[in-house]
mmCIF file of all heavy atoms, coordinates in Angstrom:
data_MODEL
# 
_entry.id   MODEL 
# 
loop_
_atom_site.group_PDB 
_atom_site.id 
_atom_site.type_symbol 
_atom_site.label_atom_id 
_atom_site.label_alt_id 
_atom_site.label_comp_id 
_atom_site.label_asym_id 
_atom_site.label_entity_id 
_atom_site.label_seq_id 
_atom_site.pdbx_PDB_ins_code 
_atom_site.Cartn_x 
_atom_site.Cartn_y 
_atom_site.Cartn_z 
_atom_site.occupancy 
_atom_site.B_iso_or_equiv 
_atom_site.pdbx_formal_charge 
_atom_site.auth_seq_id 
_atom_site.auth_comp_id 
_atom_site.auth_asym_id 
_atom_site.auth_atom_id 
_atom_site.pdbx_PDB_model_num 
ATOM 1   N N   . THR A 1 1  ? 0.818   -1.213  0.000  1.00 0.00 ? 1  THR A N   1 
ATOM 2   C CA  . THR A 1 1  ? 0.000   0.000   0.000  1.00 0.00 ? 1  THR A CA  1 
ATOM 3   C C   . THR A 1 1  ? 0.852   1.264   0.000  1.00 0.00 ? 1  THR A C   1 
ATOM 4   O O   . THR A 1 1  ? 1.982   1.265   0.503  1.00 0.00 ? 1  THR A O   1 
ATOM 5   C CB  . THR A 1 1  ? -0.938  0.030   1.215  1.00 0.00 ? 1  THR A CB  1 
ATOM 6   O OG1 . THR A 1 1  ? -0.159  -0.059  2.412  1.00 0.00 ? 1  THR A OG1 1 
ATOM 7   C CG2 . THR A 1 1  ? -1.925  -1.118  1.171  1.00 0.00 ? 1  THR A CG2 1 
ATOM 8   N N   . ASN A 1 2  ? 0.279   2.308   -0.550 1.00 0.00 ? 2  ASN A N   1 
ATOM 9   C CA  . ASN A 1 2  ? 0.902   3.630   -0.532 1.00 0.00 ? 2  ASN A CA  1 
ATOM 10  C C   . ASN A 1 2  ? -0.193  4.658   -0.310 1.00 0.00 ? 2  ASN A C   1 
ATOM 11  O O   . ASN A 1 2  ? -1.328  4.472   -0.769 1.00 0.00 ? 2  ASN A O   1 
ATOM 12  C CB  . ASN A 1 2  ? 1.613   3.924   -1.853 1.00 0.00 ? 2  ASN A CB  1 
ATOM 13  C CG  . ASN A 1 2  ? 2.799   3.024   -2.077 1.00 0.00 ? 2  ASN A CG  1 
ATOM 14  O OD1 . ASN A 1 2  ? 3.837   3.192   -1.459 1.00 0.00 ? 2  ASN A OD1 1 
ATOM 15  N ND2 . ASN A 1 2  ? 2.640   2.044   -2.940 1.00 0.00 ? 2  ASN A ND2 1 
ATOM 16  N N   . TYR A 1 3  ? 0.151   5.747   0.365  1.00 0.00 ? 3  TYR A N   1 
ATOM 17  C CA  . TYR A 1 3  ? -0.838  6.758   0.718  1.00 0.00 ? 3  TYR A CA  1 
ATOM 18  C C   . TYR A 1 3  ? -0.345  8.161   0.419  1.00 0.00 ? 3  TYR A C   1 
ATOM 19  O O   . TYR A 1 3  ? 0.855   8.445   0.491  1.00 0.00 ? 3  TYR A O   1 
ATOM 20  C CB  . TYR A 1 3  ? -1.169  6.665   2.218  1.00 0.00 ? 3  TYR A CB  1 
ATOM 21  C CG  . TYR A 1 3  ? -1.779  5.356   2.627  1.00 0.00 ? 3  TYR A CG  1 
ATOM 22  C CD1 . TYR A 1 3  ? -0.970  4.315   3.086  1.00 0.00 ? 3  TYR A CD1 1 
ATOM 23  C CD2 . TYR A 1 3  ? -3.142  5.141   2.533  1.00 0.00 ? 3  TYR A CD2 1 
ATOM 24  C CE1 . TYR A 1 3  ? -1.524  3.094   3.446  1.00 0.00 ? 3  TYR A CE1 1 
ATOM 25  C CE2 . TYR A 1 3  ? -3.707  3.919   2.891  1.00 0.00 ? 3  TYR A CE2 1 
ATOM 26  C CZ  . TYR A 1 3  ? -2.880  2.903   3.343  1.00 0.00 ? 3  TYR A CZ  1 
ATOM 27  O OH  . TYR A 1 3  ? -3.433  1.685   3.692  1.00 0.00 ? 3  TYR A OH  1 
ATOM 28  N N   . HIS A 1 4  ? -1.292  9.026   0.104  1.00 0.00 ? 4  HIS A N   1 
ATOM 29  C CA  . HIS A 1 4  ? -0.997  10.446  0.027  1.00 0.00 ? 4  HIS A CA  1 
ATOM 30  C C   . HIS A 1 4  ? -0.532  10.894  1.410  1.00 0.00 ? 4  HIS A C   1 
ATOM 31  O O   . HIS A 1 4  ? -1.049  10.430  2.432  1.00 0.00 ? 4  HIS A O   1 
ATOM 32  C CB  . HIS A 1 4  ? -2.271  11.194  -0.394 1.00 0.00 ? 4  HIS A CB  1 
ATOM 33  C CG  . HIS A 1 4  ? -2.065  12.627  -0.731 1.00 0.00 ? 4  HIS A CG  1 
ATOM 34  N ND1 . HIS A 1 4  ? -1.772  13.589  0.208  1.00 0.00 ? 4  HIS A ND1 1 
ATOM 35  C CD2 . HIS A 1 4  ? -2.124  13.284  -1.923 1.00 0.00 ? 4  HIS A CD2 1 
ATOM 36  C CE1 . HIS A 1 4  ? -1.651  14.762  -0.371 1.00 0.00 ? 4  HIS A CE1 1 
ATOM 37  N NE2 . HIS A 1 4  ? -1.864  14.600  -1.674 1.00 0.00 ? 4  HIS A NE2 1 
ATOM 38  N N   . ASP A 1 5  ? 0.410   11.805  1.417  1.00 0.00 ? 5  ASP A N   1 
ATOM 39  C CA  . ASP A 1 5  ? 0.963   12.268  2.697  1.00 0.00 ? 5  ASP A CA  1 
ATOM 40  C C   . ASP A 1 5  ? -0.135  12.787  3.634  1.00 0.00 ? 5  ASP A C   1 
ATOM 41  O O   . ASP A 1 5  ? -0.054  12.627  4.857  1.00 0.00 ? 5  ASP A O   1 
ATOM 42  C CB  . ASP A 1 5  ? 1.987   13.379  2.464  1.00 0.00 ? 5  ASP A CB  1 
ATOM 43  C CG  . ASP A 1 5  ? 3.297   12.852  1.910  1.00 0.00 ? 5  ASP A CG  1 
ATOM 44  O OD1 . ASP A 1 5  ? 3.500   11.621  1.942  1.00 0.00 ? 5  ASP A OD1 1 
ATOM 45  O OD2 . ASP A 1 5  ? 4.113   13.670  1.454  1.00 0.00 ? 5  ASP A OD2 1 
ATOM 46  N N   . ASP A 1 6  ? -1.156  13.417  3.069  1.00 0.00 ? 6  ASP A N   1 
ATOM 47  C CA  . ASP A 1 6  ? -2.192  14.039  3.894  1.00 0.00 ? 6  ASP A CA  1 
ATOM 48  C C   . ASP A 1 6  ? -3.080  13.024  4.613  1.00 0.00 ? 6  ASP A C   1 
ATOM 49  O O   . ASP A 1 6  ? -3.799  13.380  5.551  1.00 0.00 ? 6  ASP A O   1 
ATOM 50  C CB  . ASP A 1 6  ? -3.075  14.956  3.047  1.00 0.00 ? 6  ASP A CB  1 
ATOM 51  C CG  . ASP A 1 6  ? -2.347  16.200  2.577  1.00 0.00 ? 6  ASP A CG  1 
ATOM 52  O OD1 . ASP A 1 6  ? -1.232  16.458  3.071  1.00 0.00 ? 6  ASP A OD1 1 
ATOM 53  O OD2 . ASP A 1 6  ? -2.887  16.904  1.697  1.00 0.00 ? 6  ASP A OD2 1 
ATOM 54  N N   . VAL A 1 7  ? -3.066  11.759  4.176  1.00 0.00 ? 7  VAL A N   1 
ATOM 55  C CA  . VAL A 1 7  ? -3.945  10.762  4.797  1.00 0.00 ? 7  VAL A CA  1 
ATOM 56  C C   . VAL A 1 7  ? -3.167  9.646   5.470  1.00 0.00 ? 7  VAL A C   1 
ATOM 57  O O   . VAL A 1 7  ? -3.760  8.769   6.110  1.00 0.00 ? 7  VAL A O   1 
ATOM 58  C CB  . VAL A 1 7  ? -4.936  10.163  3.778  1.00 0.00 ? 7  VAL A CB  1 
ATOM 59  C CG1 . VAL A 1 7  ? -5.676  11.274  3.036  1.00 0.00 ? 7  VAL A CG1 1 
ATOM 60  C CG2 . VAL A 1 7  ? -4.253  9.225   2.803  1.00 0.00 ? 7  VAL A CG2 1 
ATOM 61  N N   . GLU A 1 8  ? -1.857  9.662   5.318  1.00 0.00 ? 8  GLU A N   1 
ATOM 62  C CA  . GLU A 1 8  ? -1.015  8.631   5.930  1.00 0.00 ? 8  GLU A CA  1 
ATOM 63  C C   . GLU A 1 8  ? -1.301  8.539   7.426  1.00 0.00 ? 8  GLU A C   1 
ATOM 64  O O   . GLU A 1 8  ? -1.330  9.541   8.132  1.00 0.00 ? 8  GLU A O   1 
ATOM 65  C CB  . GLU A 1 8  ? 0.461   8.987   5.698  1.00 0.00 ? 8  GLU A CB  1 
ATOM 66  C CG  . GLU A 1 8  ? 1.441   7.977   6.270  1.00 0.00 ? 8  GLU A CG  1 
ATOM 67  C CD  . GLU A 1 8  ? 1.638   6.778   5.373  1.00 0.00 ? 8  GLU A CD  1 
ATOM 68  O OE1 . GLU A 1 8  ? 1.903   6.975   4.185  1.00 0.00 ? 8  GLU A OE1 1 
ATOM 69  O OE2 . GLU A 1 8  ? 1.541   5.647   5.877  1.00 0.00 ? 8  GLU A OE2 1 
ATOM 70  N N   . GLY A 1 9  ? -1.552  7.320   7.888  1.00 0.00 ? 9  GLY A N   1 
ATOM 71  C CA  . GLY A 1 9  ? -1.820  7.118   9.307  1.00 0.00 ? 9  GLY A CA  1 
ATOM 72  C C   . GLY A 1 9  ? -3.285  7.263   9.695  1.00 0.00 ? 9  GLY A C   1 
ATOM 73  O O   . GLY A 1 9  ? -3.673  6.891   10.805 1.00 0.00 ? 9  GLY A O   1 
ATOM 74  N N   . ARG A 1 10 ? -4.088  7.786   8.804  1.00 0.00 ? 10 ARG A N   1 
ATOM 75  C CA  . ARG A 1 10 ? -5.532  7.953   9.090  1.00 0.00 ? 10 ARG A CA  1 
ATOM 76  C C   . ARG A 1 10 ? -6.391  7.043   8.223  1.00 0.00 ? 10 ARG A C   1 
ATOM 77  O O   . ARG A 1 10 ? -7.458  6.601   8.662  1.00 0.00 ? 10 ARG A O   1 
ATOM 78  C CB  . ARG A 1 10 ? -5.945  9.411   8.861  1.00 0.00 ? 10 ARG A CB  1 
ATOM 79  C CG  . ARG A 1 10 ? -5.225  10.411  9.731  1.00 0.00 ? 10 ARG A CG  1 
ATOM 80  C CD  . ARG A 1 10 ? -5.836  11.812  9.593  1.00 0.00 ? 10 ARG A CD  1 
ATOM 81  N NE  . ARG A 1 10 ? -5.710  12.360  8.251  1.00 0.00 ? 10 ARG A NE  1 
ATOM 82  C CZ  . ARG A 1 10 ? -6.738  12.734  7.492  1.00 0.00 ? 10 ARG A CZ  1 
ATOM 83  N NH1 . ARG A 1 10 ? -7.984  12.613  7.949  1.00 0.00 ? 10 ARG A NH1 1 
ATOM 84  N NH2 . ARG A 1 10 ? -6.529  13.232  6.288  1.00 0.00 ? 10 ARG A NH2 1 
ATOM 85  N N   . PHE A 1 11 ? -5.966  6.810   6.997  1.00 0.00 ? 11 PHE A N   1 
ATOM 86  C CA  . PHE A 1 11 ? -6.732  6.006   6.047  1.00 0.00 ? 11 PHE A CA  1 
ATOM 87  C C   . PHE A 1 11 ? -6.033  4.667   5.842  1.00 0.00 ? 11 PHE A C   1 
ATOM 88  O O   . PHE A 1 11 ? -4.800  4.582   5.881  1.00 0.00 ? 11 PHE A O   1 
ATOM 89  C CB  . PHE A 1 11 ? -6.823  6.712   4.693  1.00 0.00 ? 11 PHE A CB  1 
ATOM 90  C CG  . PHE A 1 11 ? -7.689  7.945   4.660  1.00 0.00 ? 11 PHE A CG  1 
ATOM 91  C CD1 . PHE A 1 11 ? -8.179  8.530   5.818  1.00 0.00 ? 11 PHE A CD1 1 
ATOM 92  C CD2 . PHE A 1 11 ? -8.019  8.526   3.443  1.00 0.00 ? 11 PHE A CD2 1 
ATOM 93  C CE1 . PHE A 1 11 ? -8.959  9.673   5.778  1.00 0.00 ? 11 PHE A CE1 1 
ATOM 94  C CE2 . PHE A 1 11 ? -8.808  9.662   3.372  1.00 0.00 ? 11 PHE A CE2 1 
ATOM 95  C CZ  . PHE A 1 11 ? -9.270  10.234  4.532  1.00 0.00 ? 11 PHE A CZ  1 
ATOM 96  N N   . THR A 1 12 ? -6.843  3.644   5.576  1.00 0.00 ? 12 THR A N   1 
ATOM 97  C CA  . THR A 1 12 ? -6.315  2.312   5.273  1.00 0.00 ? 12 THR A CA  1 
ATOM 98  C C   . THR A 1 12 ? -7.051  1.740   4.079  1.00 0.00 ? 12 THR A C   1 
ATOM 99  O O   . THR A 1 12 ? -8.280  1.642   4.098  1.00 0.00 ? 12 THR A O   1 
ATOM 100 C CB  . THR A 1 12 ? -6.475  1.366   6.470  1.00 0.00 ? 12 THR A CB  1 
ATOM 101 O OG1 . THR A 1 12 ? -5.815  1.916   7.620  1.00 0.00 ? 12 THR A OG1 1 
ATOM 102 C CG2 . THR A 1 12 ? -5.862  0.007   6.152  1.00 0.00 ? 12 THR A CG2 1 
ATOM 103 N N   . ILE A 1 13 ? -6.296  1.363   3.060  1.00 0.00 ? 13 ILE A N   1 
ATOM 104 C CA  . ILE A 1 13 ? -6.882  0.722   1.878  1.00 0.00 ? 13 ILE A CA  1 
ATOM 105 C C   . ILE A 1 13 ? -6.707  -0.784  2.006  1.00 0.00 ? 13 ILE A C   1 
ATOM 106 O O   . ILE A 1 13 ? -5.678  -1.263  2.512  1.00 0.00 ? 13 ILE A O   1 
ATOM 107 C CB  . ILE A 1 13 ? -6.230  1.261   0.582  1.00 0.00 ? 13 ILE A CB  1 
ATOM 108 C CG1 . ILE A 1 13 ? -6.967  0.742   -0.650 1.00 0.00 ? 13 ILE A CG1 1 
ATOM 109 C CG2 . ILE A 1 13 ? -4.741  0.938   0.535  1.00 0.00 ? 13 ILE A CG2 1 
ATOM 110 C CD1 . ILE A 1 13 ? -6.503  1.392   -1.958 1.00 0.00 ? 13 ILE A CD1 1 
ATOM 111 N N   . SER A 1 14 ? -7.716  -1.518  1.559  1.00 0.00 ? 14 SER A N   1 
ATOM 112 C CA  . SER A 1 14 ? -7.638  -2.977  1.587  1.00 0.00 ? 14 SER A CA  1 
ATOM 113 C C   . SER A 1 14 ? -8.399  -3.523  0.395  1.00 0.00 ? 14 SER A C   1 
ATOM 114 O O   . SER A 1 14 ? -9.223  -2.824  -0.204 1.00 0.00 ? 14 SER A O   1 
ATOM 115 C CB  . SER A 1 14 ? -8.206  -3.522  2.902  1.00 0.00 ? 14 SER A CB  1 
ATOM 116 O OG  . SER A 1 14 ? -9.564  -3.157  3.047  1.00 0.00 ? 14 SER A OG  1 
ATOM 117 N N   . ARG A 1 15 ? -8.142  -4.772  0.075  1.00 0.00 ? 15 ARG A N   1 
ATOM 118 C CA  . ARG A 1 15 ? -8.830  -5.392  -1.059 1.00 0.00 ? 15 ARG A CA  1 
ATOM 119 C C   . ARG A 1 15 ? -9.245  -6.797  -0.696 1.00 0.00 ? 15 ARG A C   1 
ATOM 120 O O   . ARG A 1 15 ? -8.589  -7.465  0.131  1.00 0.00 ? 15 ARG A O   1 
ATOM 121 C CB  . ARG A 1 15 ? -7.934  -5.380  -2.296 1.00 0.00 ? 15 ARG A CB  1 
ATOM 122 C CG  . ARG A 1 15 ? -6.698  -6.237  -2.202 1.00 0.00 ? 15 ARG A CG  1 
ATOM 123 C CD  . ARG A 1 15 ? -5.784  -6.010  -3.430 1.00 0.00 ? 15 ARG A CD  1 
ATOM 124 N NE  . ARG A 1 15 ? -6.452  -6.398  -4.668 1.00 0.00 ? 15 ARG A NE  1 
ATOM 125 C CZ  . ARG A 1 15 ? -6.084  -5.937  -5.871 1.00 0.00 ? 15 ARG A CZ  1 
ATOM 126 N NH1 . ARG A 1 15 ? -5.073  -5.078  -5.984 1.00 0.00 ? 15 ARG A NH1 1 
ATOM 127 N NH2 . ARG A 1 15 ? -6.732  -6.343  -6.949 1.00 0.00 ? 15 ARG A NH2 1 
ATOM 128 N N   . ASN A 1 16 ? -10.309 -7.257  -1.338 1.00 0.00 ? 16 ASN A N   1 
ATOM 129 C CA  . ASN A 1 16 ? -10.794 -8.628  -1.178 1.00 0.00 ? 16 ASN A CA  1 
ATOM 130 C C   . ASN A 1 16 ? -10.947 -9.198  -2.578 1.00 0.00 ? 16 ASN A C   1 
ATOM 131 O O   . ASN A 1 16 ? -11.930 -8.913  -3.275 1.00 0.00 ? 16 ASN A O   1 
ATOM 132 C CB  . ASN A 1 16 ? -12.121 -8.635  -0.416 1.00 0.00 ? 16 ASN A CB  1 
ATOM 133 C CG  . ASN A 1 16 ? -12.617 -10.036 -0.126 1.00 0.00 ? 16 ASN A CG  1 
ATOM 134 O OD1 . ASN A 1 16 ? -12.409 -10.966 -0.901 1.00 0.00 ? 16 ASN A OD1 1 
ATOM 135 N ND2 . ASN A 1 16 ? -13.285 -10.192 1.000  1.00 0.00 ? 16 ASN A ND2 1 
ATOM 136 N N   . ASN A 1 17 ? -9.982  -9.979  -3.000 1.00 0.00 ? 17 ASN A N   1 
ATOM 137 C CA  . ASN A 1 17 ? -10.008 -10.507 -4.363 1.00 0.00 ? 17 ASN A CA  1 
ATOM 138 C C   . ASN A 1 17 ? -11.119 -11.534 -4.567 1.00 0.00 ? 17 ASN A C   1 
ATOM 139 O O   . ASN A 1 17 ? -11.586 -11.717 -5.685 1.00 0.00 ? 17 ASN A O   1 
ATOM 140 C CB  . ASN A 1 17 ? -8.655  -11.119 -4.710 1.00 0.00 ? 17 ASN A CB  1 
ATOM 141 C CG  . ASN A 1 17 ? -7.571  -10.073 -4.877 1.00 0.00 ? 17 ASN A CG  1 
ATOM 142 O OD1 . ASN A 1 17 ? -7.855  -8.897  -5.117 1.00 0.00 ? 17 ASN A OD1 1 
ATOM 143 N ND2 . ASN A 1 17 ? -6.322  -10.493 -4.732 1.00 0.00 ? 17 ASN A ND2 1 
ATOM 144 N N   . ALA A 1 18 ? -11.534 -12.186 -3.517 1.00 0.00 ? 18 ALA A N   1 
ATOM 145 C CA  . ALA A 1 18 ? -12.617 -13.168 -3.636 1.00 0.00 ? 18 ALA A CA  1 
ATOM 146 C C   . ALA A 1 18 ? -13.953 -12.488 -3.927 1.00 0.00 ? 18 ALA A C   1 
ATOM 147 O O   . ALA A 1 18 ? -14.828 -13.071 -4.578 1.00 0.00 ? 18 ALA A O   1 
ATOM 148 C CB  . ALA A 1 18 ? -12.717 -13.986 -2.364 1.00 0.00 ? 18 ALA A CB  1 
ATOM 149 N N   . GLU A 1 19 ? -14.094 -11.241 -3.429 1.00 0.00 ? 19 GLU A N   1 
ATOM 150 C CA  . GLU A 1 19 ? -15.351 -10.519 -3.615 1.00 0.00 ? 19 GLU A CA  1 
ATOM 151 C C   . GLU A 1 19 ? -15.231 -9.386  -4.626 1.00 0.00 ? 19 GLU A C   1 
ATOM 152 O O   . GLU A 1 19 ? -16.195 -8.674  -4.878 1.00 0.00 ? 19 GLU A O   1 
ATOM 153 C CB  . GLU A 1 19 ? -15.838 -9.977  -2.273 1.00 0.00 ? 19 GLU A CB  1 
ATOM 154 C CG  . GLU A 1 19 ? -16.185 -11.069 -1.270 1.00 0.00 ? 19 GLU A CG  1 
ATOM 155 C CD  . GLU A 1 19 ? -16.763 -10.516 0.021  1.00 0.00 ? 19 GLU A CD  1 
ATOM 156 O OE1 . GLU A 1 19 ? -16.803 -9.277  0.184  1.00 0.00 ? 19 GLU A OE1 1 
ATOM 157 O OE2 . GLU A 1 19 ? -17.162 -11.330 0.877  1.00 0.00 ? 19 GLU A OE2 1 
ATOM 158 N N   . ASN A 1 20 ? -14.044 -9.219  -5.191 1.00 0.00 ? 20 ASN A N   1 
ATOM 159 C CA  . ASN A 1 20 ? -13.808 -8.137  -6.162 1.00 0.00 ? 20 ASN A CA  1 
ATOM 160 C C   . ASN A 1 20 ? -14.143 -6.763  -5.586 1.00 0.00 ? 20 ASN A C   1 
ATOM 161 O O   . ASN A 1 20 ? -14.836 -5.952  -6.215 1.00 0.00 ? 20 ASN A O   1 
ATOM 162 C CB  . ASN A 1 20 ? -14.607 -8.357  -7.447 1.00 0.00 ? 20 ASN A CB  1 
ATOM 163 C CG  . ASN A 1 20 ? -14.046 -9.486  -8.298 1.00 0.00 ? 20 ASN A CG  1 
ATOM 164 O OD1 . ASN A 1 20 ? -13.071 -10.143 -7.909 1.00 0.00 ? 20 ASN A OD1 1 
ATOM 165 N ND2 . ASN A 1 20 ? -14.672 -9.747  -9.431 1.00 0.00 ? 20 ASN A ND2 1 
ATOM 166 N N   . THR A 1 21 ? -13.679 -6.525  -4.371 1.00 0.00 ? 21 THR A N   1 
ATOM 167 C CA  . THR A 1 21 ? -13.940 -5.237  -3.732 1.00 0.00 ? 21 THR A CA  1 
ATOM 168 C C   . THR A 1 21 ? -12.651 -4.620  -3.202 1.00 0.00 ? 21 THR A C   1 
ATOM 169 O O   . THR A 1 21 ? -11.691 -5.322  -2.864 1.00 0.00 ? 21 THR A O   1 
ATOM 170 C CB  . THR A 1 21 ? -14.927 -5.373  -2.564 1.00 0.00 ? 21 THR A CB  1 
ATOM 171 O OG1 . THR A 1 21 ? -14.407 -6.309  -1.615 1.00 0.00 ? 21 THR A OG1 1 
ATOM 172 C CG2 . THR A 1 21 ? -16.292 -5.835  -3.039 1.00 0.00 ? 21 THR A CG2 1 
ATOM 173 N N   . VAL A 1 22 ? -12.661 -3.307  -3.147 1.00 0.00 ? 22 VAL A N   1 
ATOM 174 C CA  . VAL A 1 22 ? -11.577 -2.562  -2.521 1.00 0.00 ? 22 VAL A CA  1 
ATOM 175 C C   . VAL A 1 22 ? -12.217 -1.561  -1.568 1.00 0.00 ? 22 VAL A C   1 
ATOM 176 O O   . VAL A 1 22 ? -13.233 -0.941  -1.900 1.00 0.00 ? 22 VAL A O   1 
ATOM 177 C CB  . VAL A 1 22 ? -10.670 -1.875  -3.564 1.00 0.00 ? 22 VAL A CB  1 
ATOM 178 C CG1 . VAL A 1 22 ? -11.439 -0.949  -4.457 1.00 0.00 ? 22 VAL A CG1 1 
ATOM 179 C CG2 . VAL A 1 22 ? -9.520  -1.151  -2.887 1.00 0.00 ? 22 VAL A CG2 1 
ATOM 180 N N   . ALA A 1 23 ? -11.677 -1.454  -0.387 1.00 0.00 ? 23 ALA A N   1 
ATOM 181 C CA  . ALA A 1 23 ? -12.256 -0.603  0.651  1.00 0.00 ? 23 ALA A CA  1 
ATOM 182 C C   . ALA A 1 23 ? -11.276 0.474   1.081  1.00 0.00 ? 23 ALA A C   1 
ATOM 183 O O   . ALA A 1 23 ? -10.061 0.346   0.889  1.00 0.00 ? 23 ALA A O   1 
ATOM 184 C CB  . ALA A 1 23 ? -12.659 -1.447  1.853  1.00 0.00 ? 23 ALA A CB  1 
ATOM 185 N N   . LEU A 1 24 ? -11.832 1.536   1.653  1.00 0.00 ? 24 LEU A N   1 
ATOM 186 C CA  . LEU A 1 24 ? -11.016 2.599   2.213  1.00 0.00 ? 24 LEU A CA  1 
ATOM 187 C C   . LEU A 1 24 ? -11.590 2.947   3.581  1.00 0.00 ? 24 LEU A C   1 
ATOM 188 O O   . LEU A 1 24 ? -12.689 3.507   3.669  1.00 0.00 ? 24 LEU A O   1 
ATOM 189 C CB  . LEU A 1 24 ? -11.005 3.836   1.325  1.00 0.00 ? 24 LEU A CB  1 
ATOM 190 C CG  . LEU A 1 24 ? -10.067 4.951   1.770  1.00 0.00 ? 24 LEU A CG  1 
ATOM 191 C CD1 . LEU A 1 24 ? -8.605  4.514   1.626  1.00 0.00 ? 24 LEU A CD1 1 
ATOM 192 C CD2 . LEU A 1 24 ? -10.312 6.230   0.968  1.00 0.00 ? 24 LEU A CD2 1 
# 
């Protein structure tokens, strides 16, 4: 994962390949 400096530490991106979803 990589984040914009302004959201680092506050936002988390994740993905579920079984469900074809990406979350924030």
